[in-house]
C-alpha atoms as a PDB file:
ATOM      1  CA  MET A   1      86.299 130.497  64.984  1.00  0.00           C
ATOM      2  CA  LEU A   2      82.617 129.709  65.415  1.00  0.00           C
ATOM      3  CA  ALA A   3      82.137 129.631  61.651  1.00  0.00           C
ATOM      4  CA  SER A   4      84.994 127.164  61.210  1.00  0.00           C
ATOM      5  CA  ARG A   5      83.605 124.933  63.973  1.00  0.00           C
ATOM      6  CA  ALA A   6      80.160 125.012  62.400  1.00  0.00           C
ATOM      7  CA  ALA A   7      81.636 124.130  59.007  1.00  0.00           C
ATOM      8  CA  ALA A   8      83.605 121.238  60.509  1.00  0.00           C
ATOM      9  CA  GLY A   9      80.475 119.970  62.274  1.00  0.00           C
ATOM     10  CA  SER A  10      78.498 120.151  59.040  1.00  0.00           C
ATOM     11  CA  ILE A  11      81.205 118.215  57.222  1.00  0.00           C
ATOM     12  CA  ARG A  12      81.143 115.510  59.908  1.00  0.00           C
ATOM     13  CA  LEU A  13      77.362 115.193  59.638  1.00  0.00           C
ATOM     14  CA  TRP A  14      77.470 114.836  55.858  1.00  0.00           C
ATOM     15  CA  ALA A  15      80.322 112.347  56.199  1.00  0.00           C
ATOM     16  CA  ALA A  16      78.185 110.343  58.633  1.00  0.00           C
ATOM     17  CA  ALA A  17      75.322 110.396  56.108  1.00  0.00           C
ATOM     18  CA  ALA A  18      77.594 109.108  53.340  1.00  0.00           C
ATOM     19  CA  THR A  19      78.922 106.450  55.705  1.00  0.00           C
ATOM     20  CA  ALA A  20      75.423 105.283  56.663  1.00  0.00           C
ATOM     21  CA  LEU A  21      74.312 105.011  53.042  1.00  0.00           C
ATOM     22  CA  ALA A  22      77.396 103.129  51.864  1.00  0.00           C
ATOM     23  CA  ALA A  23      77.474 100.859  54.930  1.00  0.00           C
ATOM     24  CA  ALA A  24      73.796  99.978  54.540  1.00  0.00           C
ATOM     25  CA  ALA A  25      74.273  98.956  50.921  1.00  0.00           C
ATOM     26  CA  ALA A  26      77.364  96.883  51.702  1.00  0.00           C
ATOM     27  CA  ALA A  27      75.958  95.290  54.870  1.00  0.00           C
ATOM     28  CA  ASP A  28      72.730  94.345  53.110  1.00  0.00           C
ATOM     29  CA  VAL A  29      74.589  92.556  50.327  1.00  0.00           C
ATOM     30  CA  LEU A  30      77.022  90.858  52.740  1.00  0.00           C
ATOM     31  CA  THR A  31      74.389  89.609  55.193  1.00  0.00           C
ATOM     32  CA  GLU A  32      72.051  88.279  52.540  1.00  0.00           C
ATOM     33  CA  PHE A  33      74.932  86.580  50.723  1.00  0.00           C
ATOM     34  CA  LEU A  34      76.051  84.818  53.920  1.00  0.00           C
ATOM     35  CA  SER A  35      72.464  83.817  54.679  1.00  0.00           C
ATOM     36  CA  ASN A  36      71.768  82.489  51.184  1.00  0.00           C
ATOM     37  CA  THR A  37      74.936  80.370  51.233  1.00  0.00           C
ATOM     38  CA  GLY A  38      73.925  78.825  54.571  1.00  0.00           C
ATOM     39  CA  LEU A  39      76.892  80.165  56.535  1.00  0.00           C
ATOM     40  CA  LEU A  40      74.581  81.818  59.070  1.00  0.00           C
ATOM     41  CA  GLY A  41      72.335  78.778  59.485  1.00  0.00           C
ATOM     42  CA  GLY A  42      68.766  78.172  58.382  1.00  0.00           C
ATOM     43  CA  GLY A  43      65.448  79.704  59.270  1.00  0.00           C
ATOM     44  CA  ALA A  44      65.529  82.728  56.977  1.00  0.00           C
ATOM     45  CA  VAL A  45      63.873  82.993  53.604  1.00  0.00           C
ATOM     46  CA  ARG A  46      66.233  83.054  50.635  1.00  0.00           C
ATOM     47  CA  ASP A  47      66.547  86.713  49.611  1.00  0.00           C
ATOM     48  CA  VAL A  48      68.011  87.376  46.177  1.00  0.00           C
ATOM     49  CA  HIS A  49      66.481  90.803  45.611  1.00  0.00           C
ATOM     50  CA  GLN A  50      69.024  93.620  45.552  1.00  0.00           C
ATOM     51  CA  GLU A  51      67.080  96.286  43.672  1.00  0.00           C
ATOM     52  CA  ALA A  52      67.748  98.950  46.322  1.00  0.00           C
ATOM     53  CA  VAL A  53      71.510  98.432  46.531  1.00  0.00           C
ATOM     54  CA  VAL A  54      72.544 100.327  43.413  1.00  0.00           C
ATOM     55  CA  PRO A  55      70.406 103.470  44.076  1.00  0.00           C
ATOM     56  CA  VAL A  56      71.617 103.674  47.693  1.00  0.00           C
ATOM     57  CA  ALA A  57      75.257 103.120  46.708  1.00  0.00           C
ATOM     58  CA  LEU A  58      74.933 105.738  43.960  1.00  0.00           C
ATOM     59  CA  LEU A  59      73.446 108.231  46.416  1.00  0.00           C
ATOM     60  CA  ALA A  60      76.310 107.547  48.840  1.00  0.00           C
ATOM     61  CA  ALA A  61      78.847 108.182  46.076  1.00  0.00           C
ATOM     62  CA  ILE A  62      77.152 111.458  45.097  1.00  0.00           C
ATOM     63  CA  VAL A  63      77.133 112.680  48.712  1.00  0.00           C
ATOM     64  CA  LEU A  64      80.772 111.720  49.226  1.00  0.00           C
ATOM     65  CA  LEU A  65      81.991 113.274  45.960  1.00  0.00           C
ATOM     66  CA  SER A  66      80.061 116.487  46.619  1.00  0.00           C
ATOM     67  CA  LEU A  67      81.464 116.666  50.144  1.00  0.00           C
ATOM     68  CA  ALA A  68      85.022 116.021  48.935  1.00  0.00           C
ATOM     69  CA  LEU A  69      84.642 118.738  46.289  1.00  0.00           C
ATOM     70  CA  ALA A  70      83.360 121.211  48.889  1.00  0.00           C
ATOM     71  CA  VAL A  71      86.283 120.406  51.187  1.00  0.00           C
ATOM     72  CA  ALA A  72      88.786 120.788  48.336  1.00  0.00           C
ATOM     73  CA  LEU A  73      87.357 124.145  47.217  1.00  0.00           C
ATOM     74  CA  GLY A  74      87.364 125.482  50.774  1.00  0.00           C
ATOM     75  CA  ALA A  75      90.824 124.150  51.600  1.00  0.00           C
ATOM     76  CA  ARG A  76      92.382 127.624  51.935  1.00  0.00           C
ATOM     77  CA  ARG A  77      89.814 128.614  54.593  1.00  0.00           C
ATOM     78  CA  ALA A  78      89.738 125.247  56.389  1.00  0.00           C
ATOM     79  CA  SER A  79      92.601 125.938  58.778  1.00  0.00           C
ATOM     80  CA  GLY A  80      92.965 123.243  61.390  1.00  0.00           C
ATOM     81  CA  PHE A  81      90.126 121.135  60.006  1.00  0.00           C
ATOM     82  CA  SER A  82      90.050 117.558  61.241  1.00  0.00           C
ATOM     83  CA  SER A  83      87.571 114.869  60.298  1.00  0.00           C
ATOM     84  CA  ALA A  84      87.845 113.406  63.809  1.00  0.00           C
ATOM     85  CA  PRO A  85      85.399 114.550  66.544  1.00  0.00           C
ATOM     86  CA  ARG A  86      86.666 116.979  69.167  1.00  0.00           C
ATOM     87  CA  SER A  87      85.790 114.832  72.226  1.00  0.00           C
ATOM     88  CA  HIS A  88      84.991 111.249  73.206  1.00  0.00           C
ATOM     89  CA  SER A  89      81.352 112.078  73.831  1.00  0.00           C
ATOM     90  CA  GLU A  90      81.025 113.650  70.396  1.00  0.00           C
ATOM     91  CA  ALA A  91      82.710 110.611  68.847  1.00  0.00           C
ATOM     92  CA  PHE A  92      80.322 108.254  70.641  1.00  0.00           C
ATOM     93  CA  CYS A  93      77.233 110.246  69.608  1.00  0.00           C
ATOM     94  CA  LEU A  94      78.435 110.421  66.014  1.00  0.00           C
ATOM     95  CA  ALA A  95      79.177 106.672  65.885  1.00  0.00           C
ATOM     96  CA  ALA A  96      75.839 105.778  67.495  1.00  0.00           C
ATOM     97  CA  GLY A  97      73.941 108.077  65.148  1.00  0.00           C
ATOM     98  CA  THR A  98      75.731 106.613  62.131  1.00  0.00           C
ATOM     99  CA  PHE A  99      74.910 103.060  63.268  1.00  0.00           C
ATOM    100  CA  VAL A 100      71.226 103.883  63.820  1.00  0.00           C
ATOM    101  CA  ALA A 101      71.074 105.643  60.447  1.00  0.00           C
ATOM    102  CA  THR A 102      72.624 102.563  58.807  1.00  0.00           C
ATOM    103  CA  LEU A 103      69.944 100.310  60.308  1.00  0.00           C
ATOM    104  CA  ALA A 104      67.233 102.753  59.216  1.00  0.00           C
ATOM    105  CA  VAL A 105      68.536 102.767  55.642  1.00  0.00           C
ATOM    106  CA  VAL A 106      68.646  98.958  55.614  1.00  0.00           C
ATOM    107  CA  SER A 107      65.018  98.851  56.791  1.00  0.00           C
ATOM    108  CA  LEU A 108      64.003 101.244  54.028  1.00  0.00           C
ATOM    109  CA  MET A 109      65.891  99.159  51.480  1.00  0.00           C
ATOM    110  CA  GLU A 110      64.182  95.954  52.565  1.00  0.00           C
ATOM    111  CA  GLY A 111      60.814  97.678  52.570  1.00  0.00           C
ATOM    112  CA  TYR A 112      61.431  98.946  49.038  1.00  0.00           C
ATOM    113  CA  GLU A 113      62.499  95.510  47.810  1.00  0.00           C
ATOM    114  CA  THR A 114      59.164  93.972  48.901  1.00  0.00           C
ATOM    115  CA  ARG A 115      57.725  95.490  45.738  1.00  0.00           C
ATOM    116  CA  PHE A 116      59.933  93.114  43.747  1.00  0.00           C
ATOM    117  CA  GLY A 117      59.129  89.981  45.776  1.00  0.00           C
ATOM    118  CA  GLY A 118      61.734  90.186  48.525  1.00  0.00           C
ATOM    119  CA  ALA A 119      61.152  89.736  52.241  1.00  0.00           C
ATOM    120  CA  GLY A 120      60.105  92.879  54.099  1.00  0.00           C
ATOM    121  CA  ALA A 121      62.249  94.470  56.787  1.00  0.00           C
ATOM    122  CA  PHE A 122      59.855  93.301  59.519  1.00  0.00           C
ATOM    123  CA  ASP A 123      58.907  89.959  57.984  1.00  0.00           C
ATOM    124  CA  ALA A 124      59.179  87.100  60.496  1.00  0.00           C
ATOM    125  CA  ARG A 125      61.524  85.183  58.179  1.00  0.00           C
ATOM    126  CA  ALA A 126      63.556  88.150  56.974  1.00  0.00           C
ATOM    127  CA  VAL A 127      67.329  87.774  57.055  1.00  0.00           C
ATOM    128  CA  PHE A 128      67.830  90.802  59.299  1.00  0.00           C
ATOM    129  CA  LEU A 129      65.405  89.395  61.890  1.00  0.00           C
ATOM    130  CA  VAL A 130      66.342  85.717  61.859  1.00  0.00           C
ATOM    131  CA  HIS A 131      70.065  86.483  61.843  1.00  0.00           C
ATOM    132  CA  ALA A 132      69.868  89.702  63.804  1.00  0.00           C
ATOM    133  CA  PRO A 133      73.189  89.302  65.709  1.00  0.00           C
ATOM    134  CA  ALA A 134      75.126  88.654  62.510  1.00  0.00           C
ATOM    135  CA  ALA A 135      73.300  91.469  60.724  1.00  0.00           C
ATOM    136  CA  LEU A 136      74.054  93.967  63.508  1.00  0.00           C
ATOM    137  CA  ALA A 137      77.705  92.882  63.606  1.00  0.00           C
ATOM    138  CA  ALA A 138      77.946  93.258  59.820  1.00  0.00           C
ATOM    139  CA  CYS A 139      76.436  96.751  59.966  1.00  0.00           C
ATOM    140  CA  ALA A 140      78.813  97.822  62.754  1.00  0.00           C
ATOM    141  CA  ALA A 141      81.918  96.386  61.071  1.00  0.00           C
ATOM    142  CA  VAL A 142      81.107  97.709  57.612  1.00  0.00           C
ATOM    143  CA  ALA A 143      80.172 101.143  58.986  1.00  0.00           C
ATOM    144  CA  THR A 144      83.498 101.346  60.824  1.00  0.00           C
ATOM    145  CA  LEU A 145      85.432 100.413  57.696  1.00  0.00           C
ATOM    146  CA  VAL A 146      83.469 102.799  55.485  1.00  0.00           C
ATOM    147  CA  ASN A 147      83.949 105.591  58.028  1.00  0.00           C
ATOM    148  CA  ARG A 148      87.723 105.167  57.774  1.00  0.00           C
ATOM    149  CA  LEU A 149      87.521 105.272  53.983  1.00  0.00           C
ATOM    150  CA  VAL A 150      85.369 108.424  54.064  1.00  0.00           C
ATOM    151  CA  ALA A 151      87.747 110.142  56.495  1.00  0.00           C
ATOM    152  CA  PHE A 152      90.714 109.221  54.282  1.00  0.00           C
ATOM    153  CA  SER A 153      88.918 110.565  51.192  1.00  0.00           C
ATOM    154  CA  LEU A 154      88.174 113.887  52.894  1.00  0.00           C
ATOM    155  CA  ARG A 155      91.763 114.278  54.104  1.00  0.00           C
ATOM    156  CA  ALA A 156      92.976 113.530  50.573  1.00  0.00           C
ATOM    157  CA  ALA A 157      90.547 116.107  49.138  1.00  0.00           C
ATOM    158  CA  LEU A 158      91.724 118.685  51.682  1.00  0.00           C
ATOM    159  CA  ALA A 159      95.383 118.056  50.850  1.00  0.00           C
ATOM    160  CA  ALA A 160      94.675 118.202  47.107  1.00  0.00           C
ATOM    161  CA  GLY A 161      92.777 121.480  47.476  1.00  0.00           C
ATOM    162  CA  ARG A 162      95.585 123.076  49.449  1.00  0.00           C
ATOM    163  CA  ALA A 163      98.184 121.855  46.961  1.00  0.00           C
ATOM    164  CA  VAL A 164      96.249 123.260  43.997  1.00  0.00           C
ATOM    165  CA  ALA A 165      95.724 126.579  45.799  1.00  0.00           C
ATOM    166  CA  HIS A 166      99.444 126.764  46.611  1.00  0.00           C
ATOM    167  CA  VAL A 167     100.381 126.123  42.985  1.00  0.00           C
ATOM    168  CA  LEU A 168      97.962 128.792  41.753  1.00  0.00           C
ATOM    169  CA  VAL A 169      99.272 131.356  44.229  1.00  0.00           C
ATOM    170  CA  ARG A 170     102.865 130.696  43.181  1.00  0.00           C
ATOM    171  CA  ALA A 171     101.976 130.747  39.472  1.00  0.00           C
ATOM    172  CA  ILE A 172     100.298 134.178  39.600  1.00  0.00           C
ATOM    173  CA  PRO A 173     102.779 137.075  40.090  1.00  0.00           C
ATOM    174  CA  ALA A 174     102.285 139.269  43.111  1.00  0.00           C
ATOM    175  CA  GLY A 175     101.673 142.397  41.036  1.00  0.00           C
ATOM    176  CA  SER A 176      99.194 140.793  38.701  1.00  0.00           C
ATOM    177  CA  ALA A 177      96.191 141.559  40.837  1.00  0.00           C
ATOM    178  CA  SER A 178      97.083 145.244  41.199  1.00  0.00           C
ATOM    179  CA  GLY A 179      97.957 145.473  37.527  1.00  0.00           C
ATOM    180  CA  ILE A 180      94.645 143.949  36.501  1.00  0.00           C
ATOM    181  CA  ALA A 181      92.802 146.279  38.858  1.00  0.00           C
ATOM    182  CA  SER A 182      94.642 149.334  37.465  1.00  0.00           C
ATOM    183  CA  ALA A 183      93.889 148.301  33.899  1.00  0.00           C
ATOM    184  CA  ALA A 184      90.238 147.794  34.751  1.00  0.00           C
ATOM    185  CA  ALA A 185      90.055 151.213  36.438  1.00  0.00           C
ATOM    186  CA  ALA A 186      91.732 152.892  33.476  1.00  0.00           C
ATOM    187  CA  ALA A 187      89.379 151.194  31.058  1.00  0.00           C
ATOM    188  CA  ALA A 188      86.373 152.259  33.118  1.00  0.00           C
ATOM    189  CA  PHE A 189      87.623 155.879  33.236  1.00  0.00           C
ATOM    190  CA  GLY A 190      88.188 155.870  29.493  1.00  0.00           C
ATOM    191  CA  MET A 191      84.683 154.565  28.883  1.00  0.00           C
ATOM    192  CA  ARG A 192      83.220 157.293  31.101  1.00  0.00           C
ATOM    193  CA  THR A 193      85.183 159.982  29.208  1.00  0.00           C
ATOM    194  CA  LEU A 194      84.128 158.574  25.853  1.00  0.00           C
ATOM    195  CA  ARG A 195      80.512 158.426  26.919  1.00  0.00           C
ATOM    196  CA  ARG A 196      80.630 162.050  28.135  1.00  0.00           C
ATOM    197  CA  GLU A 197      82.037 163.283  24.812  1.00  0.00           C
ATOM    198  CA  PHE A 198      79.431 161.299  22.931  1.00  0.00           C
ATOM    199  CA  LEU A 199      76.598 162.826  24.969  1.00  0.00           C
ATOM    200  CA  LEU A 200      77.993 166.323  24.411  1.00  0.00           C
ATOM    201  CA  ALA A 201      78.091 165.676  20.683  1.00  0.00           C
ATOM    202  CA  LEU A 202      74.475 164.530  20.689  1.00  0.00           C
ATOM    203  CA  ARG A 203      73.401 167.661  22.578  1.00  0.00           C
ATOM    204  CA  ALA A 204      75.329 169.876  20.187  1.00  0.00           C
ATOM    205  CA  ARG A 205      73.395 168.468  17.248  1.00  0.00           C
ATOM    206  CA  GLY A 206      70.150 169.646  18.818  1.00  0.00           C
ATOM    207  CA  LEU A 207      71.291 173.287  19.071  1.00  0.00           C
ATOM    208  CA  ARG A 208      70.473 175.763  16.289  1.00  0.00           C
ATOM    209  CA  ALA A 209      73.173 177.960  14.850  1.00  0.00           C
ATOM    210  CA  PRO A 210      72.828 181.728  15.632  1.00  0.00           C
ATOM    211  CA  PRO A 211      71.429 183.844  12.757  1.00  0.00           C
ATOM    212  CA  SER A 212      74.082 185.379  10.562  1.00  0.00           C
ATOM    213  CA  ARG A 213      74.261 189.173  10.406  1.00  0.00           C
ATOM    214  CA  ARG A 214      74.313 190.559   6.891  1.00  0.00           C
ATOM    215  CA  PRO A 215      76.772 193.457   6.380  1.00  0.00           C
ATOM    216  CA  TYR A 216      75.365 196.904   5.698  1.00  0.00           C
ATOM    217  CA  SER A 217      75.206 197.768   2.061  1.00  0.00           C
ATOM    218  CA  LEU A 218      77.569 200.562   0.983  1.00  0.00           C
ATOM    219  CA  GLN A 219      75.326 201.541  -1.902  1.00  0.00           C
ATOM    220  CA  PRO A 220      72.968 204.501  -1.253  1.00  0.00           C
ATOM    221  CA  HIS A 221      69.341 203.753  -1.124  1.00  0.00           C
ATOM    222  CA  SER A 222      67.341 205.010  -4.044  1.00  0.00           C
END
């Protein structure tokens, strides 16, 4: 029971990490697009640098695919697994942690993009500072949407893993496992017998034959 709870908690943490990465990439693109088109008002520098979006989105996809594969492979042991938190307090802590992680990833992205001429995360005219309310709302909304997509993907992976395991169990006859084990045991016993006979033959080659006794001669000695 404790092991299954720990596994479920680990899955939720990795799902939160994938959510934060994907939400940061999407929120960064959305906020800067709205700012550059003037829909959020003026005051912010025009930011057209998106060099960090593709690496972060790719990392989010890798984390999500790896997590979905792990859930699918462990579907037979994941009895009663649910991607939803067990209590309201756990749900609040998980949502707050995901939101803070999303903001942290956005800050790292903006800091990385300064190398290519973009505005830094803490620049006075940066989009995420000038339009902070809109940026925070975009992060919260996108993170909520991405979280639903991640939860759906994990439930789909769990259902697919259980379906594949069920098909494999039905496809393999019940006596196949015992038959394979018996054949393996018989083969191992035969190899041991063959090896013993071979060793005996090698030892026999090293033995010398006993001296032959010549028959007494019937002729009288001269």
